[in-house]
C-alpha atoms as a PDB file:
ATOM      1  CA  MET A   1     108.684  98.460  95.515  1.00  0.00           C
ATOM      2  CA  ASN A   2     105.502  96.478  94.984  1.00  0.00           C
ATOM      3  CA  PRO A   3     103.462  98.324  92.295  1.00  0.00           C
ATOM      4  CA  LYS A   4     100.187  96.912  93.599  1.00  0.00           C
ATOM      5  CA  LYS A   5     100.901  98.145  97.134  1.00  0.00           C
ATOM      6  CA  SER A   6     102.067 101.503  95.790  1.00  0.00           C
ATOM      7  CA  ASN A   7      98.857 101.835  93.778  1.00  0.00           C
ATOM      8  CA  PHE A   8      96.768 101.075  96.897  1.00  0.00           C
ATOM      9  CA  ASN A   9      98.675 103.649  98.919  1.00  0.00           C
ATOM     10  CA  GLU A  10      98.370 106.271  96.178  1.00  0.00           C
ATOM     11  CA  ARG A  11      94.601 105.717  96.034  1.00  0.00           C
ATOM     12  CA  CYS A  12      94.440 106.284  99.810  1.00  0.00           C
ATOM     13  CA  TYR A  13      96.509 109.477  99.547  1.00  0.00           C
ATOM     14  CA  SER A  14      94.426 110.753  96.646  1.00  0.00           C
ATOM     15  CA  LEU A  15      91.224 110.423  98.676  1.00  0.00           C
ATOM     16  CA  LEU A  16      92.769 111.894 101.800  1.00  0.00           C
ATOM     17  CA  ARG A  17      93.803 115.046  99.937  1.00  0.00           C
ATOM     18  CA  ASN A  18      90.070 115.901  99.816  1.00  0.00           C
ATOM     19  CA  VAL A  19      89.621 116.020 103.595  1.00  0.00           C
ATOM     20  CA  PRO A  20      89.620 119.720 104.512  1.00  0.00           C
ATOM     21  CA  ARG A  21      91.191 121.394 107.514  1.00  0.00           C
ATOM     22  CA  GLY A  22      88.970 120.970 110.574  1.00  0.00           C
ATOM     23  CA  LYS A  23      87.446 117.689 109.338  1.00  0.00           C
ATOM     24  CA  VAL A  24      88.445 114.032 109.625  1.00  0.00           C
ATOM     25  CA  THR A  25      87.725 110.701 108.020  1.00  0.00           C
ATOM     26  CA  THR A  26      88.166 107.144 109.275  1.00  0.00           C
ATOM     27  CA  TYR A  27      90.363 104.250 108.198  1.00  0.00           C
ATOM     28  CA  LYS A  28      87.179 102.324 107.498  1.00  0.00           C
ATOM     29  CA  ALA A  29      85.686 105.088 105.321  1.00  0.00           C
ATOM     30  CA  LEU A  30      88.873 105.311 103.256  1.00  0.00           C
ATOM     31  CA  ALA A  31      88.939 101.535 102.796  1.00  0.00           C
ATOM     32  CA  GLN A  32      85.272 101.397 101.823  1.00  0.00           C
ATOM     33  CA  LYS A  33      85.742 104.189  99.296  1.00  0.00           C
ATOM     34  CA  ILE A  34      88.355 102.110  97.483  1.00  0.00           C
ATOM     35  CA  ASN A  35      86.209  98.969  97.742  1.00  0.00           C
ATOM     36  CA  THR A  36      88.161  97.014 100.318  1.00  0.00           C
ATOM     37  CA  LYS A  37      87.852  95.939 103.932  1.00  0.00           C
ATOM     38  CA  ALA A  38      91.602  96.317 104.449  1.00  0.00           C
ATOM     39  CA  TYR A  39      91.376  98.964 107.169  1.00  0.00           C
ATOM     40  CA  ARG A  40      94.780  98.018 108.544  1.00  0.00           C
ATOM     41  CA  ALA A  41      96.321  98.401 105.089  1.00  0.00           C
ATOM     42  CA  VAL A  42      94.922 101.938 105.016  1.00  0.00           C
ATOM     43  CA  GLY A  43      96.595 102.537 108.373  1.00  0.00           C
ATOM     44  CA  ASN A  44      99.848 101.167 106.998  1.00  0.00           C
ATOM     45  CA  ALA A  45      99.584 103.511 104.005  1.00  0.00           C
ATOM     46  CA  MET A  46      99.073 106.456 106.369  1.00  0.00           C
ATOM     47  CA  ASN A  47     102.115 105.375 108.382  1.00  0.00           C
ATOM     48  CA  LYS A  48     104.238 105.439 105.235  1.00  0.00           C
ATOM     49  CA  ASN A  49     102.794 108.696 103.856  1.00  0.00           C
ATOM     50  CA  PRO A  50     105.601 110.389 101.906  1.00  0.00           C
ATOM     51  CA  TYR A  51     103.448 113.457 101.179  1.00  0.00           C
ATOM     52  CA  ALA A  52     102.752 114.716 104.705  1.00  0.00           C
ATOM     53  CA  PRO A  53     101.616 117.322 105.561  1.00  0.00           C
ATOM     54  CA  GLU A  54     100.093 117.965 102.088  1.00  0.00           C
ATOM     55  CA  VAL A  55      98.329 114.620 102.477  1.00  0.00           C
ATOM     56  CA  PRO A  56      96.987 115.064 106.013  1.00  0.00           C
ATOM     57  CA  CYS A  57      97.236 111.594 107.538  1.00  0.00           C
ATOM     58  CA  HIS A  58      96.638 113.144 110.977  1.00  0.00           C
ATOM     59  CA  ARG A  59      93.010 113.607 109.828  1.00  0.00           C
ATOM     60  CA  VAL A  60      92.350 109.855 109.840  1.00  0.00           C
ATOM     61  CA  VAL A  61      90.830 108.478 113.052  1.00  0.00           C
ATOM     62  CA  GLY A  62      89.192 105.310 114.326  1.00  0.00           C
ATOM     63  CA  SER A  63      85.591 104.488 113.406  1.00  0.00           C
ATOM     64  CA  ASP A  64      84.458 105.563 116.868  1.00  0.00           C
ATOM     65  CA  GLY A  65      86.325 108.882 116.701  1.00  0.00           C
ATOM     66  CA  SER A  66      89.260 107.597 118.706  1.00  0.00           C
ATOM     67  CA  MET A  67      92.809 108.769 118.266  1.00  0.00           C
ATOM     68  CA  THR A  68      94.629 105.823 116.759  1.00  0.00           C
ATOM     69  CA  GLY A  69      98.140 105.307 115.432  1.00  0.00           C
ATOM     70  CA  PHE A  70     100.181 108.196 114.138  1.00  0.00           C
ATOM     71  CA  ALA A  71     103.818 107.937 113.045  1.00  0.00           C
ATOM     72  CA  SER A  72     104.916 110.885 115.179  1.00  0.00           C
ATOM     73  CA  GLY A  73     102.754 109.946 118.166  1.00  0.00           C
ATOM     74  CA  ILE A  74      99.184 110.416 119.346  1.00  0.00           C
ATOM     75  CA  LYS A  75     100.060 113.581 121.276  1.00  0.00           C
ATOM     76  CA  ASN A  76     101.231 115.228 118.057  1.00  0.00           C
ATOM     77  CA  LYS A  77      98.126 114.031 116.228  1.00  0.00           C
ATOM     78  CA  ILE A  78      95.908 115.589 118.901  1.00  0.00           C
ATOM     79  CA  LYS A  79      97.933 118.809 118.818  1.00  0.00           C
ATOM     80  CA  MET A  80      97.575 119.051 115.026  1.00  0.00           C
ATOM     81  CA  LEU A  81      93.836 118.370 115.092  1.00  0.00           C
ATOM     82  CA  LYS A  82      93.271 120.881 117.897  1.00  0.00           C
ATOM     83  CA  SER A  83      95.187 123.489 115.896  1.00  0.00           C
ATOM     84  CA  GLU A  84      92.538 122.977 113.192  1.00  0.00           C
ATOM     85  CA  GLY A  85      89.738 123.672 115.653  1.00  0.00           C
ATOM     86  CA  ILE A  86      88.761 120.074 116.378  1.00  0.00           C
ATOM     87  CA  GLU A  87      87.693 119.407 119.958  1.00  0.00           C
ATOM     88  CA  ILE A  88      89.076 116.217 121.486  1.00  0.00           C
ATOM     89  CA  GLN A  89      88.068 114.813 124.854  1.00  0.00           C
ATOM     90  CA  ASN A  90      89.418 111.606 126.364  1.00  0.00           C
ATOM     91  CA  ASN A  91      91.318 110.917 123.119  1.00  0.00           C
ATOM     92  CA  LYS A  92      88.112 110.995 121.066  1.00  0.00           C
ATOM     93  CA  LEU A  93      86.318 113.429 118.816  1.00  0.00           C
ATOM     94  CA  ASP A  94      82.686 113.685 117.769  1.00  0.00           C
ATOM     95  CA  LEU A  95      82.419 112.171 114.286  1.00  0.00           C
ATOM     96  CA  LYS A  96      78.925 113.611 113.843  1.00  0.00           C
ATOM     97  CA  LYS A  97      80.485 117.035 114.113  1.00  0.00           C
ATOM     98  CA  TYR A  98      83.820 116.564 112.346  1.00  0.00           C
ATOM     99  CA  GLU A  99      83.512 113.700 109.839  1.00  0.00           C
ATOM    100  CA  PHE A 100      84.038 114.553 106.189  1.00  0.00           C
ATOM    101  CA  LYS A 101      82.052 112.267 103.891  1.00  0.00           C
ATOM    102  CA  LEU A 102      84.285 111.008 101.108  1.00  0.00           C
END
């Protein structure tokens, strides 16, 4: 395993642990918080999350509130978010209402 990649992923997971039930963050916000523009690398880290559901990767959405990639499918992501009280319409949520500031 690449220690540098592992360290990046662990930093992503550490931040994501702070996002409470009923709130979301974005790939971009996570990347910015760890001083990178590697949004796709954040997505890759979420895809490989070994700590789910304790590290809630389903709470990471696109910068416009859109439902983006999820290892077990977008339908499951939507189902999980709705179970937390998040309203989703046309595969999007209102970031003004649900975004957690890291």
